[in-house]
Amino acid sequence: MPPHDSEQARWFAEEVHPHEPALRAYLQARFPNLADHDDLVQETYTRLLRAKDTGGVRYPKAFLFTAARNAAFDLFRRRRAHPT
């Protein structure tokens, strides 16, 4: 495993993963009608890791919850959009 990957895994395990139960509870409370909470969590992690690679994550927990909210809103928009 390259050093970057092990550093990223350590960062994720220490700074992000401990917040997953709270993130799931937040999504369930805020968006109870969505059955895709697992997909939202994975999308949130994807957005977080992309932003981290570009240096855009100063506060991982805040970024995590904001990205999850935005991912849920994006999902609602996609469901509402109809092809013309």
Protein backbone atom coordinates (compact mmCIF):
# COMPACT_ATOMS: atom_id res chain seq x y z
CA MET A 1 0.00 0.00 0.00
CA PRO A 2 1.54 3.34 -1.02
CA PRO A 3 2.20 5.84 1.81
CA HIS A 4 -0.55 8.18 0.60
CA ASP A 5 -3.13 5.40 0.81
CA SER A 6 -2.11 4.38 4.32
CA GLU A 7 -2.16 8.01 5.45
CA GLN A 8 -5.60 8.47 3.94
CA ALA A 9 -6.83 5.27 5.60
CA ARG A 10 -5.50 6.44 8.96
CA TRP A 11 -7.11 9.87 8.51
CA PHE A 12 -10.42 8.30 7.52
CA ALA A 13 -10.39 5.88 10.46
CA GLU A 14 -9.56 8.61 12.98
CA GLU A 15 -11.35 11.69 11.64
CA VAL A 16 -14.33 10.41 9.65
CA HIS A 17 -15.44 6.90 10.53
CA PRO A 18 -16.22 7.65 14.21
CA HIS A 19 -18.96 10.01 12.98
CA GLU A 20 -20.77 7.42 10.86
CA PRO A 21 -23.37 6.44 13.51
CA ALA A 22 -24.26 10.11 14.06
CA LEU A 23 -24.34 10.70 10.30
CA ARG A 24 -26.74 7.79 9.80
CA ALA A 25 -28.94 9.03 12.65
CA TYR A 26 -28.94 12.52 11.12
CA LEU A 27 -29.96 11.18 7.71
CA GLN A 28 -32.70 9.05 9.23
CA ALA A 29 -34.07 11.97 11.26
CA ARG A 30 -33.73 14.60 8.52
CA PHE A 31 -34.75 12.43 5.55
CA PRO A 32 -36.92 9.59 6.93
CA ASN A 33 -38.63 8.97 3.59
CA LEU A 34 -35.39 8.11 1.83
CA ALA A 35 -34.61 4.42 1.74
CA ASP A 36 -31.17 5.08 0.27
CA HIS A 37 -29.25 6.00 3.42
CA ASP A 38 -26.45 3.54 2.63
CA ASP A 39 -26.06 5.07 -0.82
CA LEU A 40 -26.05 8.57 0.66
CA VAL A 41 -23.32 7.64 3.14
CA GLN A 42 -21.18 6.20 0.34
CA GLU A 43 -21.77 9.26 -1.85
CA THR A 44 -20.85 11.47 1.10
CA TYR A 45 -17.60 9.57 1.61
CA THR A 46 -16.80 9.93 -2.09
CA ARG A 47 -17.35 13.69 -1.95
CA LEU A 48 -15.28 13.96 1.21
CA LEU A 49 -12.32 12.03 -0.17
CA ARG A 50 -12.36 14.01 -3.43
CA ALA A 51 -12.35 17.26 -1.48
CA LYS A 52 -9.59 16.03 0.81
CA ASP A 53 -7.40 15.23 -2.20
CA THR A 54 -7.72 18.84 -3.33
CA GLY A 55 -7.12 20.23 0.16
CA GLY A 56 -10.70 21.36 0.69
CA VAL A 57 -11.43 19.71 4.06
CA ARG A 58 -10.51 21.63 7.17
CA TYR A 59 -13.24 20.29 9.44
CA PRO A 60 -14.08 16.70 8.45
CA LYS A 61 -17.17 16.33 10.65
CA ALA A 62 -18.77 19.54 9.39
CA PHE A 63 -17.90 18.66 5.81
CA LEU A 64 -19.37 15.18 6.28
CA PHE A 65 -22.76 16.39 7.45
CA THR A 66 -22.95 19.18 4.88
CA ALA A 67 -21.99 16.83 2.06
CA ALA A 68 -24.61 14.30 3.24
CA ARG A 69 -27.31 16.96 3.25
CA ASN A 70 -26.29 18.13 -0.22
CA ALA A 71 -26.19 14.55 -1.53
CA ALA A 72 -29.74 14.02 -0.23
CA PHE A 73 -30.93 17.22 -1.89
CA ASP A 74 -29.26 16.15 -5.14
CA LEU A 75 -31.06 12.81 -4.92
CA PHE A 76 -34.40 14.59 -4.45
CA ARG A 77 -33.67 16.81 -7.46
CA ARG A 78 -32.77 13.83 -9.65
CA ARG A 79 -35.96 12.02 -8.67
CA ARG A 80 -38.05 15.09 -9.38
CA ALA A 81 -36.46 15.79 -12.77
CA HIS A 82 -38.28 14.34 -15.73
CA PRO A 83 -36.70 13.83 -19.11
CA THR A 84 -38.15 16.10 -21.78
